[in-house]
């Protein structure tokens, strides 16, 4: 019976590690989105006027900040960082 329990735990750890890899890929994609938004901000600021105020302002204030929070803020519910932290604790608990 002990052998089956060890196999289940090993399988669960492997599945959790796959989730970790997927979340790291998601964070990488969020970083690409942040970079894209930052390039758009630069373009909007070069245009100036209302375009700069509205587009650049809202991207800076809302979009970029929220993307950064979802990528890196452990205190943001559902963020990649908070989920990675949870999964890493699960792996440690199973060892």
PDB file of N, CA and C in Angstrom:
ATOM      1  N   UNK A   1       0.824  -1.189   0.000  1.00  0.00           N
ATOM      2  CA  UNK A   1       0.000   0.000   0.000  1.00  0.00           C
ATOM      3  C   UNK A   1       0.874   1.260   0.000  1.00  0.00           C
ATOM      4  N   UNK A   2       1.964   1.225   0.669  1.00  0.00           N
ATOM      5  CA  UNK A   2       2.868   2.378   0.748  1.00  0.00           C
ATOM      6  C   UNK A   2       3.363   2.764  -0.643  1.00  0.00           C
ATOM      7  N   UNK A   3       3.678   1.783  -1.480  1.00  0.00           N
ATOM      8  CA  UNK A   3       4.195   2.033  -2.825  1.00  0.00           C
ATOM      9  C   UNK A   3       3.183   2.833  -3.648  1.00  0.00           C
ATOM     10  N   UNK A   4       1.907   2.459  -3.601  1.00  0.00           N
ATOM     11  CA  UNK A   4       0.856   3.180  -4.349  1.00  0.00           C
ATOM     12  C   UNK A   4       0.767   4.620  -3.875  1.00  0.00           C
ATOM     13  N   UNK A   5       0.821   4.852  -2.591  1.00  0.00           N
ATOM     14  CA  UNK A   5       0.765   6.199  -2.034  1.00  0.00           C
ATOM     15  C   UNK A   5       1.937   7.042  -2.524  1.00  0.00           C
ATOM     16  N   UNK A   6       3.120   6.451  -2.577  1.00  0.00           N
ATOM     17  CA  UNK A   6       4.298   7.173  -3.067  1.00  0.00           C
ATOM     18  C   UNK A   6       4.140   7.523  -4.545  1.00  0.00           C
ATOM     19  N   UNK A   7       3.562   6.589  -5.337  1.00  0.00           N
ATOM     20  CA  UNK A   7       3.354   6.847  -6.767  1.00  0.00           C
ATOM     21  C   UNK A   7       2.367   7.979  -6.992  1.00  0.00           C
ATOM     22  N   UNK A   8       1.291   8.004  -6.181  1.00  0.00           N
ATOM     23  CA  UNK A   8       0.298   9.077  -6.295  1.00  0.00           C
ATOM     24  C   UNK A   8       0.947  10.415  -5.973  1.00  0.00           C
ATOM     25  N   UNK A   9       1.743  10.467  -4.904  1.00  0.00           N
ATOM     26  CA  UNK A   9       2.411  11.711  -4.530  1.00  0.00           C
ATOM     27  C   UNK A   9       3.392  12.151  -5.601  1.00  0.00           C
ATOM     28  N   UNK A  10       4.133  11.222  -6.171  1.00  0.00           N
ATOM     29  CA  UNK A  10       5.079  11.554  -7.237  1.00  0.00           C
ATOM     30  C   UNK A  10       4.332  12.095  -8.449  1.00  0.00           C
ATOM     31  N   UNK A  11       3.206  11.475  -8.781  1.00  0.00           N
ATOM     32  CA  UNK A  11       2.381  11.934  -9.903  1.00  0.00           C
ATOM     33  C   UNK A  11       1.835  13.335  -9.639  1.00  0.00           C
ATOM     34  N   UNK A  12       1.368  13.568  -8.416  1.00  0.00           N
ATOM     35  CA  UNK A  12       0.845  14.890  -8.061  1.00  0.00           C
ATOM     36  C   UNK A  12       1.933  15.947  -8.152  1.00  0.00           C
ATOM     37  N   UNK A  13       3.121  15.639  -7.670  1.00  0.00           N
ATOM     38  CA  UNK A  13       4.232  16.597  -7.749  1.00  0.00           C
ATOM     39  C   UNK A  13       4.556  16.898  -9.198  1.00  0.00           C
ATOM     40  N   UNK A  14       4.560  15.871 -10.036  1.00  0.00           N
ATOM     41  CA  UNK A  14       4.826  16.067 -11.466  1.00  0.00           C
ATOM     42  C   UNK A  14       3.760  16.968 -12.095  1.00  0.00           C
ATOM     43  N   UNK A  15       2.500  16.730 -11.751  1.00  0.00           N
ATOM     44  CA  UNK A  15       1.414  17.563 -12.281  1.00  0.00           C
ATOM     45  C   UNK A  15       1.533  18.999 -11.786  1.00  0.00           C
ATOM     46  N   UNK A  16       1.906  19.171 -10.527  1.00  0.00           N
ATOM     47  CA  UNK A  16       2.080  20.513  -9.972  1.00  0.00           C
ATOM     48  C   UNK A  16       3.230  21.219 -10.679  1.00  0.00           C
ATOM     49  N   UNK A  17       4.283  20.488 -10.952  1.00  0.00           N
ATOM     50  CA  UNK A  17       5.422  21.095 -11.659  1.00  0.00           C
ATOM     51  C   UNK A  17       5.011  21.545 -13.062  1.00  0.00           C
ATOM     52  N   UNK A  18       4.129  20.796 -13.704  1.00  0.00           N
ATOM     53  CA  UNK A  18       3.606  21.218 -15.009  1.00  0.00           C
ATOM     54  C   UNK A  18       2.798  22.501 -14.882  1.00  0.00           C
ATOM     55  N   UNK A  19       2.026  22.613 -13.812  1.00  0.00           N
ATOM     56  CA  UNK A  19       1.272  23.853 -13.567  1.00  0.00           C
ATOM     57  C   UNK A  19       2.228  25.027 -13.361  1.00  0.00           C
ATOM     58  N   UNK A  20       3.301  24.796 -12.626  1.00  0.00           N
ATOM     59  CA  UNK A  20       4.290  25.847 -12.380  1.00  0.00           C
ATOM     60  C   UNK A  20       4.896  26.315 -13.695  1.00  0.00           C
ATOM     61  N   UNK A  21       5.234  25.386 -14.555  1.00  0.00           N
ATOM     62  CA  UNK A  21       5.790  25.741 -15.872  1.00  0.00           C
ATOM     63  C   UNK A  21       4.774  26.568 -16.658  1.00  0.00           C
ATOM     64  N   UNK A  22       3.514  26.153 -16.634  1.00  0.00           N
ATOM     65  CA  UNK A  22       2.468  26.893 -17.341  1.00  0.00           C
ATOM     66  C   UNK A  22       2.296  28.301 -16.797  1.00  0.00           C
ATOM     67  N   UNK A  23       2.339  28.441 -15.481  1.00  0.00           N
ATOM     68  CA  UNK A  23       2.203  29.773 -14.879  1.00  0.00           C
ATOM     69  C   UNK A  23       3.403  30.653 -15.209  1.00  0.00           C
ATOM     70  N   UNK A  24       4.584  30.070 -15.260  1.00  0.00           N
ATOM     71  CA  UNK A  24       5.763  30.848 -15.649  1.00  0.00           C
ATOM     72  C   UNK A  24       5.648  31.315 -17.098  1.00  0.00           C
ATOM     73  N   UNK A  25       5.068  30.476 -17.956  1.00  0.00           N
ATOM     74  CA  UNK A  25       4.822  30.880 -19.344  1.00  0.00           C
ATOM     75  C   UNK A  25       3.794  31.999 -19.397  1.00  0.00           C
ATOM     76  N   UNK A  26       2.768  31.896 -18.574  1.00  0.00           N
ATOM     77  CA  UNK A  26       1.755  32.956 -18.508  1.00  0.00           C
ATOM     78  C   UNK A  26       2.393  34.268 -18.073  1.00  0.00           C
ATOM     79  N   UNK A  27       3.269  34.226 -17.060  1.00  0.00           N
ATOM     80  CA  UNK A  27       3.938  35.448 -16.615  1.00  0.00           C
ATOM     81  C   UNK A  27       4.784  36.038 -17.747  1.00  0.00           C
ATOM     82  N   UNK A  28       5.443  35.180 -18.500  1.00  0.00           N
ATOM     83  CA  UNK A  28       6.235  35.654 -19.630  1.00  0.00           C
ATOM     84  C   UNK A  28       5.352  36.381 -20.649  1.00  0.00           C
ATOM     85  N   UNK A  29       4.179  35.842 -20.904  1.00  0.00           N
ATOM     86  CA  UNK A  29       3.243  36.484 -21.836  1.00  0.00           C
ATOM     87  C   UNK A  29       2.726  37.810 -21.273  1.00  0.00           C
ATOM     88  N   UNK A  30       2.474  37.855 -19.975  1.00  0.00           N
ATOM     89  CA  UNK A  30       2.062  39.114 -19.349  1.00  0.00           C
ATOM     90  C   UNK A  30       3.164  40.162 -19.484  1.00  0.00           C
ATOM     91  N   UNK A  31       4.411  39.745 -19.335  1.00  0.00           N
ATOM     92  CA  UNK A  31       5.540  40.679 -19.498  1.00  0.00           C
ATOM     93  C   UNK A  31       5.602  41.212 -20.928  1.00  0.00           C
ATOM     94  N   UNK A  32       5.325  40.367 -21.893  1.00  0.00           N
ATOM     95  CA  UNK A  32       5.284  40.821 -23.293  1.00  0.00           C
ATOM     96  C   UNK A  32       4.157  41.830 -23.487  1.00  0.00           C
ATOM     97  N   UNK A  33       3.011  41.577 -22.856  1.00  0.00           N
ATOM     98  CA  UNK A  33       1.885  42.515 -22.951  1.00  0.00           C
ATOM     99  C   UNK A  33       2.243  43.855 -22.310  1.00  0.00           C
ATOM    100  N   UNK A  34       2.961  43.818 -21.200  1.00  0.00           N
ATOM    101  CA  UNK A  34       3.409  45.054 -20.543  1.00  0.00           C
ATOM    102  C   UNK A  34       4.326  45.833 -21.470  1.00  0.00           C
ATOM    103  N   UNK A  35       5.260  45.136 -22.102  1.00  0.00           N
ATOM    104  CA  UNK A  35       6.168  45.800 -23.039  1.00  0.00           C
ATOM    105  C   UNK A  35       5.409  46.419 -24.210  1.00  0.00           C
ATOM    106  N   UNK A  36       4.430  45.719 -24.722  1.00  0.00           N
ATOM    107  CA  UNK A  36       3.607  46.241 -25.815  1.00  0.00           C
ATOM    108  C   UNK A  36       2.867  47.501 -25.367  1.00  0.00           C
ATOM    109  N   UNK A  37       2.273  47.442 -24.190  1.00  0.00           N
ATOM    110  CA  UNK A  37       1.555  48.605 -23.657  1.00  0.00           C
ATOM    111  C   UNK A  37       2.508  49.789 -23.470  1.00  0.00           C
ATOM    112  N   UNK A  38       3.718  49.535 -23.006  1.00  0.00           N
ATOM    113  CA  UNK A  38       4.693  50.615 -22.821  1.00  0.00           C
ATOM    114  C   UNK A  38       5.080  51.253 -24.160  1.00  0.00           C
ATOM    115  N   UNK A  39       5.188  50.438 -25.207  1.00  0.00           N
ATOM    116  CA  UNK A  39       5.482  50.996 -26.547  1.00  0.00           C
ATOM    117  C   UNK A  39       4.319  51.858 -27.036  1.00  0.00           C
ATOM    118  N   UNK A  40       3.096  51.428 -26.774  1.00  0.00           N
ATOM    119  CA  UNK A  40       1.922  52.210 -27.165  1.00  0.00           C
ATOM    120  C   UNK A  40       1.896  53.530 -26.405  1.00  0.00           C
ATOM    121  N   UNK A  41       2.256  53.503 -25.130  1.00  0.00           N
ATOM    122  CA  UNK A  41       2.322  54.729 -24.332  1.00  0.00           C
ATOM    123  C   UNK A  41       3.305  55.707 -24.975  1.00  0.00           C
ATOM    124  N   UNK A  42       4.469  55.219 -25.343  1.00  0.00           N
ATOM    125  CA  UNK A  42       5.477  56.087 -25.978  1.00  0.00           C
ATOM    126  C   UNK A  42       4.933  56.722 -27.251  1.00  0.00           C
ATOM    127  N   UNK A  43       4.259  55.932 -28.079  1.00  0.00           N
ATOM    128  CA  UNK A  43       3.689  56.456 -29.330  1.00  0.00           C
ATOM    129  C   UNK A  43       2.606  57.488 -29.047  1.00  0.00           C
ATOM    130  N   UNK A  44       1.741  57.183 -28.085  1.00  0.00           N
ATOM    131  CA  UNK A  44       0.660  58.116 -27.738  1.00  0.00           C
ATOM    132  C   UNK A  44       1.229  59.421 -27.189  1.00  0.00           C
ATOM    133  N   UNK A  45       2.282  59.332 -26.395  1.00  0.00           N
ATOM    134  CA  UNK A  45       2.900  60.542 -25.855  1.00  0.00           C
ATOM    135  C   UNK A  45       3.538  61.392 -26.949  1.00  0.00           C
ATOM    136  N   UNK A  46       4.058  60.749 -27.986  1.00  0.00           N
ATOM    137  CA  UNK A  46       4.623  61.512 -29.112  1.00  0.00           C
ATOM    138  C   UNK A  46       3.532  62.253 -29.878  1.00  0.00           C
ATOM    139  N   UNK A  47       2.339  61.683 -29.934  1.00  0.00           N
ATOM    140  CA  UNK A  47       1.218  62.348 -30.604  1.00  0.00           C
ATOM    141  C   UNK A  47       0.792  63.569 -29.795  1.00  0.00           C
ATOM    142  N   UNK A  48       0.773  63.415 -28.473  1.00  0.00           N
ATOM    143  CA  UNK A  48       0.444  64.540 -27.601  1.00  0.00           C
ATOM    144  C   UNK A  48      -1.046  64.785 -27.473  1.00  0.00           C
ATOM    145  N   UNK A  49      -1.371  65.892 -26.848  1.00  0.00           N
ATOM    146  CA  UNK A  49      -2.758  66.330 -26.689  1.00  0.00           C
ATOM    147  C   UNK A  49      -3.637  65.323 -25.971  1.00  0.00           C
ATOM    148  N   UNK A  50      -4.893  65.268 -26.432  1.00  0.00           N
ATOM    149  CA  UNK A  50      -5.878  64.370 -25.826  1.00  0.00           C
ATOM    150  C   UNK A  50      -5.493  62.907 -25.983  1.00  0.00           C
ATOM    151  N   UNK A  51      -4.899  62.568 -27.117  1.00  0.00           N
ATOM    152  CA  UNK A  51      -4.482  61.171 -27.333  1.00  0.00           C
ATOM    153  C   UNK A  51      -3.492  60.765 -26.255  1.00  0.00           C
ATOM    154  N   UNK A  52      -2.535  61.613 -26.004  1.00  0.00           N
ATOM    155  CA  UNK A  52      -1.552  61.308 -24.968  1.00  0.00           C
ATOM    156  C   UNK A  52      -2.211  61.226 -23.598  1.00  0.00           C
ATOM    157  N   UNK A  53      -3.049  62.199 -23.313  1.00  0.00           N
ATOM    158  CA  UNK A  53      -3.686  62.239 -22.001  1.00  0.00           C
ATOM    159  C   UNK A  53      -4.552  61.008 -21.760  1.00  0.00           C
ATOM    160  N   UNK A  54      -5.382  60.655 -22.738  1.00  0.00           N
ATOM    161  CA  UNK A  54      -6.327  59.551 -22.550  1.00  0.00           C
ATOM    162  C   UNK A  54      -5.641  58.192 -22.715  1.00  0.00           C
ATOM    163  N   UNK A  55      -5.030  57.979 -23.864  1.00  0.00           N
ATOM    164  CA  UNK A  55      -4.465  56.651 -24.154  1.00  0.00           C
ATOM    165  C   UNK A  55      -3.270  56.354 -23.257  1.00  0.00           C
ATOM    166  N   UNK A  56      -2.277  57.229 -23.272  1.00  0.00           N
ATOM    167  CA  UNK A  56      -1.089  56.984 -22.455  1.00  0.00           C
ATOM    168  C   UNK A  56      -1.452  56.982 -20.971  1.00  0.00           C
ATOM    169  N   UNK A  57      -2.285  57.926 -20.587  1.00  0.00           N
ATOM    170  CA  UNK A  57      -2.661  58.022 -19.178  1.00  0.00           C
ATOM    171  C   UNK A  57      -3.371  56.780 -18.670  1.00  0.00           C
ATOM    172  N   UNK A  58      -4.335  56.299 -19.419  1.00  0.00           N
ATOM    173  CA  UNK A  58      -5.082  55.127 -18.965  1.00  0.00           C
ATOM    174  C   UNK A  58      -4.253  53.854 -19.021  1.00  0.00           C
ATOM    175  N   UNK A  59      -3.421  53.743 -20.052  1.00  0.00           N
ATOM    176  CA  UNK A  59      -2.540  52.568 -20.099  1.00  0.00           C
ATOM    177  C   UNK A  59      -1.596  52.543 -18.905  1.00  0.00           C
ATOM    178  N   UNK A  60      -1.024  53.700 -18.584  1.00  0.00           N
ATOM    179  CA  UNK A  60      -0.111  53.770 -17.432  1.00  0.00           C
ATOM    180  C   UNK A  60      -0.851  53.502 -16.128  1.00  0.00           C
ATOM    181  N   UNK A  61      -1.984  54.166 -15.970  1.00  0.00           N
ATOM    182  CA  UNK A  61      -2.708  54.105 -14.705  1.00  0.00           C
ATOM    183  C   UNK A  61      -3.381  52.758 -14.458  1.00  0.00           C
ATOM    184  N   UNK A  62      -3.953  52.178 -15.502  1.00  0.00           N
ATOM    185  CA  UNK A  62      -4.745  50.965 -15.310  1.00  0.00           C
ATOM    186  C   UNK A  62      -4.100  49.712 -15.911  1.00  0.00           C
ATOM    187  N   UNK A  63      -3.903  49.718 -17.197  1.00  0.00           N
ATOM    188  CA  UNK A  63      -3.494  48.495 -17.894  1.00  0.00           C
ATOM    189  C   UNK A  63      -2.139  47.981 -17.420  1.00  0.00           C
ATOM    190  N   UNK A  64      -1.115  48.814 -17.484  1.00  0.00           N
ATOM    191  CA  UNK A  64       0.228  48.359 -17.121  1.00  0.00           C
ATOM    192  C   UNK A  64       0.288  47.966 -15.652  1.00  0.00           C
ATOM    193  N   UNK A  65      -0.290  48.781 -14.801  1.00  0.00           N
ATOM    194  CA  UNK A  65      -0.280  48.466 -13.369  1.00  0.00           C
ATOM    195  C   UNK A  65      -0.986  47.164 -13.043  1.00  0.00           C
ATOM    196  N   UNK A  66      -2.127  46.938 -13.681  1.00  0.00           N
ATOM    197  CA  UNK A  66      -2.860  45.695 -13.429  1.00  0.00           C
ATOM    198  C   UNK A  66      -2.124  44.482 -13.980  1.00  0.00           C
ATOM    199  N   UNK A  67      -1.534  44.625 -15.162  1.00  0.00           N
ATOM    200  CA  UNK A  67      -0.752  43.512 -15.718  1.00  0.00           C
ATOM    201  C   UNK A  67       0.430  43.191 -14.810  1.00  0.00           C
ATOM    202  N   UNK A  68       1.108  44.223 -14.314  1.00  0.00           N
ATOM    203  CA  UNK A  68       2.231  44.003 -13.403  1.00  0.00           C
ATOM    204  C   UNK A  68       1.763  43.324 -12.118  1.00  0.00           C
ATOM    205  N   UNK A  69       0.623  43.750 -11.602  1.00  0.00           N
ATOM    206  CA  UNK A  69       0.089  43.132 -10.381  1.00  0.00           C
ATOM    207  C   UNK A  69      -0.238  41.660 -10.619  1.00  0.00           C
ATOM    208  N   UNK A  70      -0.861  41.344 -11.740  1.00  0.00           N
ATOM    209  CA  UNK A  70      -1.198  39.950 -12.019  1.00  0.00           C
ATOM    210  C   UNK A  70       0.030  39.101 -12.307  1.00  0.00           C
ATOM    211  N   UNK A  71       1.105  39.707 -12.745  1.00  0.00           N
ATOM    212  CA  UNK A  71       2.329  38.956 -13.002  1.00  0.00           C
ATOM    213  C   UNK A  71       3.156  38.765 -11.736  1.00  0.00           C
ATOM    214  N   UNK A  72       3.261  39.815 -10.890  1.00  0.00           N
ATOM    215  CA  UNK A  72       4.288  39.816  -9.854  1.00  0.00           C
ATOM    216  C   UNK A  72       3.821  40.009  -8.409  1.00  0.00           C
ATOM    217  N   UNK A  73       2.611  40.447  -8.175  1.00  0.00           N
ATOM    218  CA  UNK A  73       2.187  40.810  -6.813  1.00  0.00           C
ATOM    219  C   UNK A  73       1.609  39.598  -6.085  1.00  0.00           C
ATOM    220  N   UNK A  74       2.349  39.104  -5.103  1.00  0.00           N
ATOM    221  CA  UNK A  74       1.911  37.929  -4.349  1.00  0.00           C
ATOM    222  C   UNK A  74       0.621  38.208  -3.574  1.00  0.00           C
ATOM    223  N   UNK A  75       0.332  39.462  -3.298  1.00  0.00           N
ATOM    224  CA  UNK A  75      -0.875  39.830  -2.560  1.00  0.00           C
ATOM    225  C   UNK A  75      -2.098  40.028  -3.454  1.00  0.00           C
ATOM    226  N   UNK A  76      -1.921  39.970  -4.763  1.00  0.00           N
ATOM    227  CA  UNK A  76      -3.027  40.118  -5.715  1.00  0.00           C
ATOM    228  C   UNK A  76      -3.697  38.758  -5.904  1.00  0.00           C
ATOM    229  N   UNK A  77      -4.948  38.604  -5.482  1.00  0.00           N
ATOM    230  CA  UNK A  77      -5.627  37.320  -5.668  1.00  0.00           C
ATOM    231  C   UNK A  77      -5.624  36.905  -7.145  1.00  0.00           C
ATOM    232  N   UNK A  78      -5.272  35.661  -7.386  1.00  0.00           N
ATOM    233  CA  UNK A  78      -5.256  35.132  -8.746  1.00  0.00           C
ATOM    234  C   UNK A  78      -4.022  35.485  -9.536  1.00  0.00           C
ATOM    235  N   UNK A  79      -3.081  36.211  -8.927  1.00  0.00           N
ATOM    236  CA  UNK A  79      -1.870  36.575  -9.661  1.00  0.00           C
ATOM    237  C   UNK A  79      -0.989  35.357  -9.879  1.00  0.00           C
ATOM    238  N   UNK A  80      -0.162  35.441 -10.894  1.00  0.00           N
ATOM    239  CA  UNK A  80       0.786  34.361 -11.162  1.00  0.00           C
ATOM    240  C   UNK A  80       1.658  34.132  -9.932  1.00  0.00           C
ATOM    241  N   UNK A  81       2.155  35.205  -9.343  1.00  0.00           N
ATOM    242  CA  UNK A  81       3.041  35.072  -8.184  1.00  0.00           C
ATOM    243  C   UNK A  81       2.343  34.388  -7.013  1.00  0.00           C
ATOM    244  N   UNK A  82       1.089  34.750  -6.731  1.00  0.00           N
ATOM    245  CA  UNK A  82       0.384  34.118  -5.607  1.00  0.00           C
ATOM    246  C   UNK A  82       0.112  32.643  -5.888  1.00  0.00           C
ATOM    247  N   UNK A  83      -0.211  32.322  -7.130  1.00  0.00           N
ATOM    248  CA  UNK A  83      -0.458  30.922  -7.480  1.00  0.00           C
ATOM    249  C   UNK A  83       0.828  30.103  -7.439  1.00  0.00           C
ATOM    250  N   UNK A  84       1.924  30.693  -7.927  1.00  0.00           N
ATOM    251  CA  UNK A  84       3.219  29.997  -7.852  1.00  0.00           C
ATOM    252  C   UNK A  84       3.615  29.751  -6.403  1.00  0.00           C
ATOM    253  N   UNK A  85       3.419  30.731  -5.575  1.00  0.00           N
ATOM    254  CA  UNK A  85       3.743  30.588  -4.161  1.00  0.00           C
ATOM    255  C   UNK A  85       2.945  29.444  -3.534  1.00  0.00           C
ATOM    256  N   UNK A  86       1.659  29.380  -3.828  1.00  0.00           N
ATOM    257  CA  UNK A  86       0.809  28.304  -3.324  1.00  0.00           C
ATOM    258  C   UNK A  86       1.311  26.943  -3.802  1.00  0.00           C
ATOM    259  N   UNK A  87       1.588  26.827  -5.100  1.00  0.00           N
ATOM    260  CA  UNK A  87       2.015  25.542  -5.657  1.00  0.00           C
ATOM    261  C   UNK A  87       3.372  25.110  -5.110  1.00  0.00           C
ATOM    262  N   UNK A  88       4.279  26.048  -4.929  1.00  0.00           N
ATOM    263  CA  UNK A  88       5.591  25.713  -4.383  1.00  0.00           C
ATOM    264  C   UNK A  88       5.457  25.200  -2.949  1.00  0.00           C
ATOM    265  N   UNK A  89       4.536  25.768  -2.187  1.00  0.00           N
ATOM    266  CA  UNK A  89       4.270  25.256  -0.834  1.00  0.00           C
ATOM    267  C   UNK A  89       3.688  23.849  -0.897  1.00  0.00           C
ATOM    268  N   UNK A  90       2.811  23.596  -1.861  1.00  0.00           N
ATOM    269  CA  UNK A  90       2.238  22.255  -2.021  1.00  0.00           C
ATOM    270  C   UNK A  90       3.323  21.224  -2.319  1.00  0.00           C
ATOM    271  N   UNK A  91       4.261  21.569  -3.182  1.00  0.00           N
ATOM    272  CA  UNK A  91       5.353  20.653  -3.512  1.00  0.00           C
ATOM    273  C   UNK A  91       6.199  20.376  -2.271  1.00  0.00           C
ATOM    274  N   UNK A  92       6.501  21.413  -1.520  1.00  0.00           N
ATOM    275  CA  UNK A  92       7.301  21.247  -0.293  1.00  0.00           C
ATOM    276  C   UNK A  92       6.584  20.361   0.713  1.00  0.00           C
ATOM    277  N   UNK A  93       5.269  20.532   0.835  1.00  0.00           N
ATOM    278  CA  UNK A  93       4.491  19.734   1.789  1.00  0.00           C
ATOM    279  C   UNK A  93       4.466  18.249   1.404  1.00  0.00           C
ATOM    280  N   UNK A  94       4.585  17.958   0.118  1.00  0.00           N
ATOM    281  CA  UNK A  94       4.509  16.573  -0.345  1.00  0.00           C
ATOM    282  C   UNK A  94       5.858  15.867  -0.287  1.00  0.00           C
ATOM    283  N   UNK A  95       6.929  16.610  -0.062  1.00  0.00           N
ATOM    284  CA  UNK A  95       8.259  15.982   0.001  1.00  0.00           C
ATOM    285  C   UNK A  95       8.504  15.333   1.325  1.00  0.00           C
TER     286      UNK A  95
END
